[in-house]
Amino acid sequence: VRGEGSRLWDQQGKEYIDFAGGIAVNALGHAHPQLIRALTEQ
């Protein structure tokens, strides 16, 4: 339900280290601040 960097948390609050990367998609991890800014500005 939530991610930051290379960590994710599930509905129960359990933490995971993410080495799957959305199958080589999340090049900059989760919720990267510069990507959030680019998306929200546009």
PDB file of all heavy atoms in Angstrom:
ATOM      1  N   VAL A   1       0.812  -1.222   0.000  1.00  0.00           N
ATOM      2  CA  VAL A   1       0.000   0.000   0.000  1.00  0.00           C
ATOM      3  C   VAL A   1       0.844   1.270   0.000  1.00  0.00           C
ATOM      4  O   VAL A   1       0.328   2.347  -0.310  1.00  0.00           O
ATOM      5  CB  VAL A   1      -0.971   0.037   1.208  1.00  0.00           C
ATOM      6  CG1 VAL A   1      -2.009  -1.064   1.082  1.00  0.00           C
ATOM      7  CG2 VAL A   1      -0.221  -0.067   2.537  1.00  0.00           C
ATOM      8  N   ARG A   2       2.139   1.171   0.335  1.00  0.00           N
ATOM      9  CA  ARG A   2       2.968   2.374   0.393  1.00  0.00           C
ATOM     10  C   ARG A   2       4.420   2.003   0.162  1.00  0.00           C
ATOM     11  O   ARG A   2       4.867   0.926   0.587  1.00  0.00           O
ATOM     12  CB  ARG A   2       2.831   3.043   1.766  1.00  0.00           C
ATOM     13  CG  ARG A   2       3.604   4.345   1.910  1.00  0.00           C
ATOM     14  CD  ARG A   2       3.280   5.018   3.241  1.00  0.00           C
ATOM     15  NE  ARG A   2       3.806   4.284   4.386  1.00  0.00           N
ATOM     16  CZ  ARG A   2       5.048   4.439   4.875  1.00  0.00           C
ATOM     17  NH1 ARG A   2       5.885   5.288   4.294  1.00  0.00           N
ATOM     18  NH2 ARG A   2       5.428   3.765   5.929  1.00  0.00           N
ATOM     19  N   GLY A   3       5.145   2.873  -0.537  1.00  0.00           N
ATOM     20  CA  GLY A   3       6.556   2.620  -0.777  1.00  0.00           C
ATOM     21  C   GLY A   3       7.387   3.871  -0.604  1.00  0.00           C
ATOM     22  O   GLY A   3       6.898   4.994  -0.760  1.00  0.00           O
ATOM     23  N   GLU A   4       8.654   3.652  -0.303  1.00  0.00           N
ATOM     24  CA  GLU A   4       9.621   4.744  -0.228  1.00  0.00           C
ATOM     25  C   GLU A   4      10.999   4.161  -0.488  1.00  0.00           C
ATOM     26  O   GLU A   4      11.421   3.222   0.208  1.00  0.00           O
ATOM     27  CB  GLU A   4       9.586   5.417   1.145  1.00  0.00           C
ATOM     28  CG  GLU A   4      10.508   6.628   1.248  1.00  0.00           C
ATOM     29  CD  GLU A   4      10.426   7.310   2.603  1.00  0.00           C
ATOM     30  OE1 GLU A   4       9.389   7.187   3.290  1.00  0.00           O
ATOM     31  OE2 GLU A   4      11.416   7.967   2.974  1.00  0.00           O
ATOM     32  N   GLY A   5      11.689   4.681  -1.504  1.00  0.00           N
ATOM     33  CA  GLY A   5      12.990   4.121  -1.860  1.00  0.00           C
ATOM     34  C   GLY A   5      12.837   2.674  -2.296  1.00  0.00           C
ATOM     35  O   GLY A   5      12.036   2.356  -3.170  1.00  0.00           O
ATOM     36  N   SER A   6      13.580   1.780  -1.664  1.00  0.00           N
ATOM     37  CA  SER A   6      13.476   0.345  -1.980  1.00  0.00           C
ATOM     38  C   SER A   6      12.742  -0.419  -0.885  1.00  0.00           C
ATOM     39  O   SER A   6      12.964  -1.616  -0.690  1.00  0.00           O
ATOM     40  CB  SER A   6      14.871  -0.251  -2.203  1.00  0.00           C
ATOM     41  OG  SER A   6      15.409   0.212  -3.420  1.00  0.00           O
ATOM     42  N   ARG A   7      11.851   0.273  -0.193  1.00  0.00           N
ATOM     43  CA  ARG A   7      11.015  -0.375   0.825  1.00  0.00           C
ATOM     44  C   ARG A   7       9.542  -0.219   0.469  1.00  0.00           C
ATOM     45  O   ARG A   7       9.121   0.802  -0.080  1.00  0.00           O
ATOM     46  CB  ARG A   7      11.279   0.222   2.206  1.00  0.00           C
ATOM     47  CG  ARG A   7      12.557  -0.284   2.857  1.00  0.00           C
ATOM     48  CD  ARG A   7      12.768   0.356   4.240  1.00  0.00           C
ATOM     49  NE  ARG A   7      13.686  -0.425   5.053  1.00  0.00           N
ATOM     50  CZ  ARG A   7      15.019  -0.315   4.990  1.00  0.00           C
ATOM     51  NH1 ARG A   7      15.571   0.560   4.148  1.00  0.00           N
ATOM     52  NH2 ARG A   7      15.785  -1.067   5.762  1.00  0.00           N
ATOM     53  N   LEU A   8       8.773  -1.254   0.803  1.00  0.00           N
ATOM     54  CA  LEU A   8       7.322  -1.236   0.661  1.00  0.00           C
ATOM     55  C   LEU A   8       6.702  -1.734   1.957  1.00  0.00           C
ATOM     56  O   LEU A   8       7.319  -2.516   2.689  1.00  0.00           O
ATOM     57  CB  LEU A   8       6.872  -2.156  -0.481  1.00  0.00           C
ATOM     58  CG  LEU A   8       6.966  -1.631  -1.916  1.00  0.00           C
ATOM     59  CD1 LEU A   8       6.803  -2.781  -2.889  1.00  0.00           C
ATOM     60  CD2 LEU A   8       5.893  -0.584  -2.177  1.00  0.00           C
ATOM     61  N   TRP A   9       5.457  -1.283   2.210  1.00  0.00           N
ATOM     62  CA  TRP A   9       4.713  -1.764   3.368  1.00  0.00           C
ATOM     63  C   TRP A   9       3.354  -2.260   2.900  1.00  0.00           C
ATOM     64  O   TRP A   9       2.733  -1.679   2.007  1.00  0.00           O
ATOM     65  CB  TRP A   9       4.529  -0.635   4.388  1.00  0.00           C
ATOM     66  CG  TRP A   9       5.810  -0.254   5.054  1.00  0.00           C
ATOM     67  CD1 TRP A   9       6.289  -0.729   6.246  1.00  0.00           C
ATOM     68  CD2 TRP A   9       6.791   0.683   4.587  1.00  0.00           C
ATOM     69  NE1 TRP A   9       7.509  -0.157   6.535  1.00  0.00           N
ATOM     70  CE2 TRP A   9       7.847   0.720   5.541  1.00  0.00           C
ATOM     71  CE3 TRP A   9       6.904   1.491   3.449  1.00  0.00           C
ATOM     72  CZ2 TRP A   9       8.969   1.516   5.387  1.00  0.00           C
ATOM     73  CZ3 TRP A   9       8.020   2.290   3.293  1.00  0.00           C
ATOM     74  CH2 TRP A   9       9.045   2.298   4.261  1.00  0.00           C
ATOM     75  N   ASP A  10       2.900  -3.378   3.515  1.00  0.00           N
ATOM     76  CA  ASP A  10       1.615  -3.950   3.105  1.00  0.00           C
ATOM     77  C   ASP A  10       0.486  -3.440   3.995  1.00  0.00           C
ATOM     78  O   ASP A  10       0.676  -2.561   4.848  1.00  0.00           O
ATOM     79  CB  ASP A  10       1.694  -5.481   3.066  1.00  0.00           C
ATOM     80  CG  ASP A  10       1.842  -6.141   4.437  1.00  0.00           C
ATOM     81  OD1 ASP A  10       1.643  -5.456   5.467  1.00  0.00           O
ATOM     82  OD2 ASP A  10       2.149  -7.353   4.477  1.00  0.00           O
ATOM     83  N   GLN A  11      -0.715  -3.974   3.794  1.00  0.00           N
ATOM     84  CA  GLN A  11      -1.897  -3.514   4.512  1.00  0.00           C
ATOM     85  C   GLN A  11      -1.767  -3.670   6.023  1.00  0.00           C
ATOM     86  O   GLN A  11      -2.367  -2.915   6.786  1.00  0.00           O
ATOM     87  CB  GLN A  11      -3.132  -4.286   4.035  1.00  0.00           C
ATOM     88  CG  GLN A  11      -3.577  -3.936   2.626  1.00  0.00           C
ATOM     89  CD  GLN A  11      -4.691  -4.845   2.166  1.00  0.00           C
ATOM     90  OE1 GLN A  11      -4.609  -6.069   2.299  1.00  0.00           O
ATOM     91  NE2 GLN A  11      -5.747  -4.251   1.609  1.00  0.00           N
ATOM     92  N   GLN A  12      -0.973  -4.659   6.426  1.00  0.00           N
ATOM     93  CA  GLN A  12      -0.784  -4.914   7.857  1.00  0.00           C
ATOM     94  C   GLN A  12       0.403  -4.154   8.436  1.00  0.00           C
ATOM     95  O   GLN A  12       0.713  -4.282   9.622  1.00  0.00           O
ATOM     96  CB  GLN A  12      -0.598  -6.423   8.110  1.00  0.00           C
ATOM     97  CG  GLN A  12      -1.887  -7.236   8.016  1.00  0.00           C
ATOM     98  CD  GLN A  12      -2.419  -7.333   6.587  1.00  0.00           C
ATOM     99  OE1 GLN A  12      -1.666  -7.604   5.658  1.00  0.00           O
ATOM    100  NE2 GLN A  12      -3.712  -7.092   6.427  1.00  0.00           N
ATOM    101  N   GLY A  13       1.092  -3.377   7.592  1.00  0.00           N
ATOM    102  CA  GLY A  13       2.232  -2.609   8.067  1.00  0.00           C
ATOM    103  C   GLY A  13       3.548  -3.357   8.026  1.00  0.00           C
ATOM    104  O   GLY A  13       4.580  -2.830   8.465  1.00  0.00           O
ATOM    105  N   LYS A  14       3.551  -4.567   7.487  1.00  0.00           N
ATOM    106  CA  LYS A  14       4.804  -5.320   7.370  1.00  0.00           C
ATOM    107  C   LYS A  14       5.690  -4.685   6.310  1.00  0.00           C
ATOM    108  O   LYS A  14       5.224  -4.307   5.226  1.00  0.00           O
ATOM    109  CB  LYS A  14       4.519  -6.780   7.007  1.00  0.00           C
ATOM    110  CG  LYS A  14       5.778  -7.630   6.853  1.00  0.00           C
ATOM    111  CD  LYS A  14       5.447  -9.089   6.569  1.00  0.00           C
ATOM    112  CE  LYS A  14       6.699  -9.896   6.276  1.00  0.00           C
ATOM    113  NZ  LYS A  14       6.410 -11.333   6.048  1.00  0.00           N
ATOM    114  N   GLU A  15       6.993  -4.580   6.600  1.00  0.00           N
ATOM    115  CA  GLU A  15       7.952  -3.961   5.690  1.00  0.00           C
ATOM    116  C   GLU A  15       8.610  -5.009   4.801  1.00  0.00           C
ATOM    117  O   GLU A  15       8.941  -6.104   5.253  1.00  0.00           O
ATOM    118  CB  GLU A  15       9.040  -3.248   6.503  1.00  0.00           C
ATOM    119  CG  GLU A  15      10.117  -2.604   5.653  1.00  0.00           C
ATOM    120  CD  GLU A  15      11.408  -2.380   6.428  1.00  0.00           C
ATOM    121  OE1 GLU A  15      11.490  -1.332   7.077  1.00  0.00           O
ATOM    122  OE2 GLU A  15      12.304  -3.255   6.374  1.00  0.00           O
ATOM    123  N   TYR A  16       8.812  -4.633   3.549  1.00  0.00           N
ATOM    124  CA  TYR A  16       9.529  -5.475   2.586  1.00  0.00           C
ATOM    125  C   TYR A  16      10.638  -4.644   1.936  1.00  0.00           C
ATOM    126  O   TYR A  16      10.442  -3.468   1.636  1.00  0.00           O
ATOM    127  CB  TYR A  16       8.595  -5.965   1.477  1.00  0.00           C
ATOM    128  CG  TYR A  16       7.432  -6.792   1.959  1.00  0.00           C
ATOM    129  CD1 TYR A  16       6.284  -6.170   2.457  1.00  0.00           C
ATOM    130  CD2 TYR A  16       7.473  -8.181   1.929  1.00  0.00           C
ATOM    131  CE1 TYR A  16       5.215  -6.919   2.916  1.00  0.00           C
ATOM    132  CE2 TYR A  16       6.395  -8.938   2.387  1.00  0.00           C
ATOM    133  CZ  TYR A  16       5.280  -8.299   2.879  1.00  0.00           C
ATOM    134  OH  TYR A  16       4.222  -9.037   3.335  1.00  0.00           O
ATOM    135  N   ILE A  17      11.782  -5.269   1.725  1.00  0.00           N
ATOM    136  CA  ILE A  17      12.794  -4.701   0.834  1.00  0.00           C
ATOM    137  C   ILE A  17      12.444  -5.164  -0.575  1.00  0.00           C
ATOM    138  O   ILE A  17      12.193  -6.356  -0.807  1.00  0.00           O
ATOM    139  CB  ILE A  17      14.212  -5.169   1.218  1.00  0.00           C
ATOM    140  CG1 ILE A  17      14.576  -4.705   2.624  1.00  0.00           C
ATOM    141  CG2 ILE A  17      15.228  -4.666   0.188  1.00  0.00           C
ATOM    142  CD1 ILE A  17      14.857  -3.239   2.777  1.00  0.00           C
ATOM    143  N   ASP A  18      12.420  -4.234  -1.527  1.00  0.00           N
ATOM    144  CA  ASP A  18      11.967  -4.533  -2.885  1.00  0.00           C
ATOM    145  C   ASP A  18      13.160  -4.718  -3.813  1.00  0.00           C
ATOM    146  O   ASP A  18      13.772  -3.741  -4.253  1.00  0.00           O
ATOM    147  CB  ASP A  18      11.058  -3.410  -3.388  1.00  0.00           C
ATOM    148  CG  ASP A  18      10.528  -3.669  -4.784  1.00  0.00           C
ATOM    149  OD1 ASP A  18      10.757  -4.779  -5.317  1.00  0.00           O
ATOM    150  OD2 ASP A  18       9.895  -2.763  -5.350  1.00  0.00           O
ATOM    151  N   PHE A  19      13.484  -5.980  -4.119  1.00  0.00           N
ATOM    152  CA  PHE A  19      14.495  -6.304  -5.124  1.00  0.00           C
ATOM    153  C   PHE A  19      13.849  -6.796  -6.424  1.00  0.00           C
ATOM    154  O   PHE A  19      14.538  -7.287  -7.313  1.00  0.00           O
ATOM    155  CB  PHE A  19      15.467  -7.370  -4.603  1.00  0.00           C
ATOM    156  CG  PHE A  19      16.443  -6.882  -3.558  1.00  0.00           C
ATOM    157  CD1 PHE A  19      17.195  -7.795  -2.827  1.00  0.00           C
ATOM    158  CD2 PHE A  19      16.626  -5.535  -3.310  1.00  0.00           C
ATOM    159  CE1 PHE A  19      18.102  -7.359  -1.861  1.00  0.00           C
ATOM    160  CE2 PHE A  19      17.525  -5.086  -2.347  1.00  0.00           C
ATOM    161  CZ  PHE A  19      18.264  -6.020  -1.620  1.00  0.00           C
ATOM    162  N   ALA A  20      12.513  -6.681  -6.506  1.00  0.00           N
ATOM    163  CA  ALA A  20      11.815  -7.039  -7.746  1.00  0.00           C
ATOM    164  C   ALA A  20      11.710  -5.830  -8.671  1.00  0.00           C
ATOM    165  O   ALA A  20      11.752  -5.961  -9.893  1.00  0.00           O
ATOM    166  CB  ALA A  20      10.427  -7.589  -7.426  1.00  0.00           C
ATOM    167  N   GLY A  21      11.558  -4.659  -8.078  1.00  0.00           N
ATOM    168  CA  GLY A  21      11.550  -3.425  -8.853  1.00  0.00           C
ATOM    169  C   GLY A  21      10.462  -3.364  -9.904  1.00  0.00           C
ATOM    170  O   GLY A  21      10.644  -2.749 -10.962  1.00  0.00           O
ATOM    171  N   GLY A  22       9.303  -4.001  -9.602  1.00  0.00           N
ATOM    172  CA  GLY A  22       8.227  -3.985 -10.596  1.00  0.00           C
ATOM    173  C   GLY A  22       8.623  -4.661 -11.891  1.00  0.00           C
ATOM    174  O   GLY A  22       8.133  -4.325 -12.966  1.00  0.00           O
ATOM    175  N   ILE A  23       9.517  -5.664 -11.799  1.00  0.00           N
ATOM    176  CA  ILE A  23      10.122  -6.364 -12.947  1.00  0.00           C
ATOM    177  C   ILE A  23      10.930  -5.370 -13.791  1.00  0.00           C
ATOM    178  O   ILE A  23      10.651  -5.117 -14.958  1.00  0.00           O
ATOM    179  CB  ILE A  23       9.105  -7.149 -13.802  1.00  0.00           C
ATOM    180  CG1 ILE A  23       8.106  -7.910 -12.924  1.00  0.00           C
ATOM    181  CG2 ILE A  23       9.845  -8.128 -14.723  1.00  0.00           C
ATOM    182  CD1 ILE A  23       7.065  -8.717 -13.686  1.00  0.00           C
ATOM    183  N   ALA A  24      11.931  -4.785 -13.138  1.00  0.00           N
ATOM    184  CA  ALA A  24      12.890  -3.875 -13.799  1.00  0.00           C
ATOM    185  C   ALA A  24      12.237  -2.581 -14.284  1.00  0.00           C
ATOM    186  O   ALA A  24      12.686  -1.983 -15.251  1.00  0.00           O
ATOM    187  CB  ALA A  24      13.622  -4.578 -14.941  1.00  0.00           C
ATOM    188  N   VAL A  25      11.191  -2.153 -13.595  1.00  0.00           N
ATOM    189  CA  VAL A  25      10.477  -0.926 -13.954  1.00  0.00           C
ATOM    190  C   VAL A  25      10.874   0.242 -13.053  1.00  0.00           C
ATOM    191  O   VAL A  25      11.139   1.344 -13.526  1.00  0.00           O
ATOM    192  CB  VAL A  25       8.950  -1.152 -13.883  1.00  0.00           C
ATOM    193  CG1 VAL A  25       8.196   0.177 -13.935  1.00  0.00           C
ATOM    194  CG2 VAL A  25       8.500  -2.060 -15.018  1.00  0.00           C
ATOM    195  N   ASN A  26      10.919  -0.001 -11.751  1.00  0.00           N
ATOM    196  CA  ASN A  26      11.099   1.081 -10.782  1.00  0.00           C
ATOM    197  C   ASN A  26      12.574   1.457 -10.659  1.00  0.00           C
ATOM    198  O   ASN A  26      13.215   1.228  -9.631  1.00  0.00           O
ATOM    199  CB  ASN A  26      10.529   0.666  -9.419  1.00  0.00           C
ATOM    200  CG  ASN A  26       9.056   0.312  -9.506  1.00  0.00           C
ATOM    201  OD1 ASN A  26       8.315   0.916 -10.275  1.00  0.00           O
ATOM    202  ND2 ASN A  26       8.645  -0.675  -8.746  1.00  0.00           N
ATOM    203  N   ALA A  27      13.101   2.083 -11.701  1.00  0.00           N
ATOM    204  CA  ALA A  27      14.534   2.378 -11.768  1.00  0.00           C
ATOM    205  C   ALA A  27      14.993   3.241 -10.609  1.00  0.00           C
ATOM    206  O   ALA A  27      16.143   3.122 -10.158  1.00  0.00           O
ATOM    207  CB  ALA A  27      14.858   3.078 -13.090  1.00  0.00           C
ATOM    208  N   LEU A  28      14.122   4.096 -10.116  1.00  0.00           N
ATOM    209  CA  LEU A  28      14.484   5.022  -9.040  1.00  0.00           C
ATOM    210  C   LEU A  28      13.721   4.716  -7.758  1.00  0.00           C
ATOM    211  O   LEU A  28      13.565   5.582  -6.896  1.00  0.00           O
ATOM    212  CB  LEU A  28      14.245   6.462  -9.497  1.00  0.00           C
ATOM    213  CG  LEU A  28      15.054   6.874 -10.742  1.00  0.00           C
ATOM    214  CD1 LEU A  28      14.674   8.260 -11.212  1.00  0.00           C
ATOM    215  CD2 LEU A  28      16.557   6.793 -10.478  1.00  0.00           C
ATOM    216  N   GLY A  29      13.267   3.481  -7.626  1.00  0.00           N
ATOM    217  CA  GLY A  29      12.557   3.077  -6.427  1.00  0.00           C
ATOM    218  C   GLY A  29      11.150   3.640  -6.382  1.00  0.00           C
ATOM    219  O   GLY A  29      10.571   4.023  -7.401  1.00  0.00           O
ATOM    220  N   HIS A  30      10.599   3.697  -5.179  1.00  0.00           N
ATOM    221  CA  HIS A  30       9.219   4.140  -4.976  1.00  0.00           C
ATOM    222  C   HIS A  30       9.182   5.578  -4.489  1.00  0.00           C
ATOM    223  O   HIS A  30      10.001   6.007  -3.675  1.00  0.00           O
ATOM    224  CB  HIS A  30       8.527   3.236  -3.962  1.00  0.00           C
ATOM    225  CG  HIS A  30       8.468   1.803  -4.388  1.00  0.00           C
ATOM    226  ND1 HIS A  30       7.583   1.339  -5.324  1.00  0.00           N
ATOM    227  CD2 HIS A  30       9.233   0.736  -4.027  1.00  0.00           C
ATOM    228  CE1 HIS A  30       7.780   0.040  -5.520  1.00  0.00           C
ATOM    229  NE2 HIS A  30       8.780  -0.343  -4.747  1.00  0.00           N
ATOM    230  N   ALA A  31       8.200   6.329  -4.992  1.00  0.00           N
ATOM    231  CA  ALA A  31       7.904   7.686  -4.514  1.00  0.00           C
ATOM    232  C   ALA A  31       9.128   8.595  -4.550  1.00  0.00           C
ATOM    233  O   ALA A  31       9.385   9.353  -3.617  1.00  0.00           O
ATOM    234  CB  ALA A  31       7.323   7.626  -3.094  1.00  0.00           C
ATOM    235  N   HIS A  32       9.884   8.520  -5.645  1.00  0.00           N
ATOM    236  CA  HIS A  32      11.062   9.385  -5.773  1.00  0.00           C
ATOM    237  C   HIS A  32      10.593  10.843  -5.853  1.00  0.00           C
ATOM    238  O   HIS A  32       9.740  11.184  -6.684  1.00  0.00           O
ATOM    239  CB  HIS A  32      11.846   9.011  -7.028  1.00  0.00           C
ATOM    240  CG  HIS A  32      13.184   9.652  -7.102  1.00  0.00           C
ATOM    241  ND1 HIS A  32      13.360  10.980  -7.417  1.00  0.00           N
ATOM    242  CD2 HIS A  32      14.441   9.158  -6.877  1.00  0.00           C
ATOM    243  CE1 HIS A  32      14.636  11.275  -7.403  1.00  0.00           C
ATOM    244  NE2 HIS A  32      15.321  10.192  -7.066  1.00  0.00           N
ATOM    245  N   PRO A  33      11.135  11.717  -5.017  1.00  0.00           N
ATOM    246  CA  PRO A  33      10.593  13.085  -4.946  1.00  0.00           C
ATOM    247  C   PRO A  33      10.652  13.855  -6.261  1.00  0.00           C
ATOM    248  O   PRO A  33       9.736  14.638  -6.561  1.00  0.00           O
ATOM    249  CB  PRO A  33      11.441  13.755  -3.854  1.00  0.00           C
ATOM    250  CG  PRO A  33      12.612  12.855  -3.623  1.00  0.00           C
ATOM    251  CD  PRO A  33      12.176  11.486  -4.008  1.00  0.00           C
ATOM    252  N   GLN A  34      11.705  13.653  -7.064  1.00  0.00           N
ATOM    253  CA  GLN A  34      11.783  14.386  -8.333  1.00  0.00           C
ATOM    254  C   GLN A  34      10.746  13.889  -9.337  1.00  0.00           C
ATOM    255  O   GLN A  34      10.229  14.669 -10.145  1.00  0.00           O
ATOM    256  CB  GLN A  34      13.191  14.277  -8.913  1.00  0.00           C
ATOM    257  CG  GLN A  34      14.221  15.103  -8.156  1.00  0.00           C
ATOM    258  CD  GLN A  34      15.626  14.881  -8.655  1.00  0.00           C
ATOM    259  OE1 GLN A  34      16.462  14.290  -7.963  1.00  0.00           O
ATOM    260  NE2 GLN A  34      15.917  15.344  -9.863  1.00  0.00           N
ATOM    261  N   LEU A  35      10.416  12.605  -9.287  1.00  0.00           N
ATOM    262  CA  LEU A  35       9.382  12.077 -10.186  1.00  0.00           C
ATOM    263  C   LEU A  35       8.001  12.538  -9.737  1.00  0.00           C
ATOM    264  O   LEU A  35       7.142  12.847 -10.575  1.00  0.00           O
ATOM    265  CB  LEU A  35       9.445  10.551 -10.244  1.00  0.00           C
ATOM    266  CG  LEU A  35      10.768   9.924 -10.692  1.00  0.00           C
ATOM    267  CD1 LEU A  35      10.576   8.442 -10.994  1.00  0.00           C
ATOM    268  CD2 LEU A  35      11.346  10.644 -11.910  1.00  0.00           C
ATOM    269  N   ILE A  36       7.795  12.560  -8.440  1.00  0.00           N
ATOM    270  CA  ILE A  36       6.520  13.084  -7.920  1.00  0.00           C
ATOM    271  C   ILE A  36       6.327  14.528  -8.367  1.00  0.00           C
ATOM    272  O   ILE A  36       5.241  14.918  -8.821  1.00  0.00           O
ATOM    273  CB  ILE A  36       6.488  12.985  -6.379  1.00  0.00           C
ATOM    274  CG1 ILE A  36       6.442  11.524  -5.932  1.00  0.00           C
ATOM    275  CG2 ILE A  36       5.288  13.756  -5.817  1.00  0.00           C
ATOM    276  CD1 ILE A  36       6.622  11.339  -4.433  1.00  0.00           C
ATOM    277  N   ARG A  37       7.385  15.315  -8.277  1.00  0.00           N
ATOM    278  CA  ARG A  37       7.295  16.729  -8.668  1.00  0.00           C
ATOM    279  C   ARG A  37       7.006  16.868 -10.161  1.00  0.00           C
ATOM    280  O   ARG A  37       6.133  17.661 -10.566  1.00  0.00           O
ATOM    281  CB  ARG A  37       8.587  17.457  -8.297  1.00  0.00           C
ATOM    282  CG  ARG A  37       8.519  18.953  -8.548  1.00  0.00           C
ATOM    283  CD  ARG A  37       9.614  19.722  -7.824  1.00  0.00           C
ATOM    284  NE  ARG A  37      10.954  19.265  -8.200  1.00  0.00           N
ATOM    285  CZ  ARG A  37      11.780  18.597  -7.384  1.00  0.00           C
ATOM    286  NH1 ARG A  37      11.402  18.286  -6.155  1.00  0.00           N
ATOM    287  NH2 ARG A  37      12.976  18.222  -7.793  1.00  0.00           N
ATOM    288  N   ALA A  38       7.713  16.079 -11.003  1.00  0.00           N
ATOM    289  CA  ALA A  38       7.486  16.165 -12.449  1.00  0.00           C
ATOM    290  C   ALA A  38       6.052  15.782 -12.802  1.00  0.00           C
ATOM    291  O   ALA A  38       5.408  16.432 -13.646  1.00  0.00           O
ATOM    292  CB  ALA A  38       8.474  15.253 -13.178  1.00  0.00           C
ATOM    293  N   LEU A  39       5.546  14.738 -12.156  1.00  0.00           N
ATOM    294  CA  LEU A  39       4.189  14.274 -12.432  1.00  0.00           C
ATOM    295  C   LEU A  39       3.153  15.305 -11.981  1.00  0.00           C
ATOM    296  O   LEU A  39       2.241  15.656 -12.740  1.00  0.00           O
ATOM    297  CB  LEU A  39       3.940  12.943 -11.726  1.00  0.00           C
ATOM    298  CG  LEU A  39       2.541  12.347 -11.865  1.00  0.00           C
ATOM    299  CD1 LEU A  39       2.190  12.083 -13.317  1.00  0.00           C
ATOM    300  CD2 LEU A  39       2.421  11.070 -11.044  1.00  0.00           C
ATOM    301  N   THR A  40       3.296  15.800 -10.775  1.00  0.00           N
ATOM    302  CA  THR A  40       2.274  16.716 -10.251  1.00  0.00           C
ATOM    303  C   THR A  40       2.300  18.068 -10.952  1.00  0.00           C
ATOM    304  O   THR A  40       1.244  18.686 -11.164  1.00  0.00           O
ATOM    305  CB  THR A  40       2.430  16.899  -8.726  1.00  0.00           C
ATOM    306  OG1 THR A  40       3.773  17.278  -8.417  1.00  0.00           O
ATOM    307  CG2 THR A  40       2.113  15.609  -7.998  1.00  0.00           C
ATOM    308  N   GLU A  41       3.490  18.524 -11.344  1.00  0.00           N
ATOM    309  CA  GLU A  41       3.562  19.789 -12.090  1.00  0.00           C
ATOM    310  C   GLU A  41       2.822  19.673 -13.417  1.00  0.00           C
ATOM    311  O   GLU A  41       2.042  20.554 -13.795  1.00  0.00           O
ATOM    312  CB  GLU A  41       5.023  20.189 -12.313  1.00  0.00           C
ATOM    313  CG  GLU A  41       5.685  20.794 -11.088  1.00  0.00           C
ATOM    314  CD  GLU A  41       7.121  21.216 -11.349  1.00  0.00           C
ATOM    315  OE1 GLU A  41       7.586  21.102 -12.517  1.00  0.00           O
ATOM    316  OE2 GLU A  41       7.785  21.655 -10.401  1.00  0.00           O
ATOM    317  N   GLN A  42       3.055  18.572 -14.147  1.00  0.00           N
ATOM    318  CA  GLN A  42       2.360  18.401 -15.424  1.00  0.00           C
ATOM    319  C   GLN A  42       0.873  18.136 -15.205  1.00  0.00           C
ATOM    320  O   GLN A  42       0.030  18.609 -15.973  1.00  0.00           O
ATOM    321  CB  GLN A  42       2.988  17.265 -16.234  1.00  0.00           C
ATOM    322  CG  GLN A  42       2.361  17.064 -17.610  1.00  0.00           C
ATOM    323  CD  GLN A  42       2.427  18.309 -18.482  1.00  0.00           C
ATOM    324  OE1 GLN A  42       3.450  18.989 -18.540  1.00  0.00           O
ATOM    325  NE2 GLN A  42       1.335  18.612 -19.172  1.00  0.00           N
TER     326      GLN A  42
END
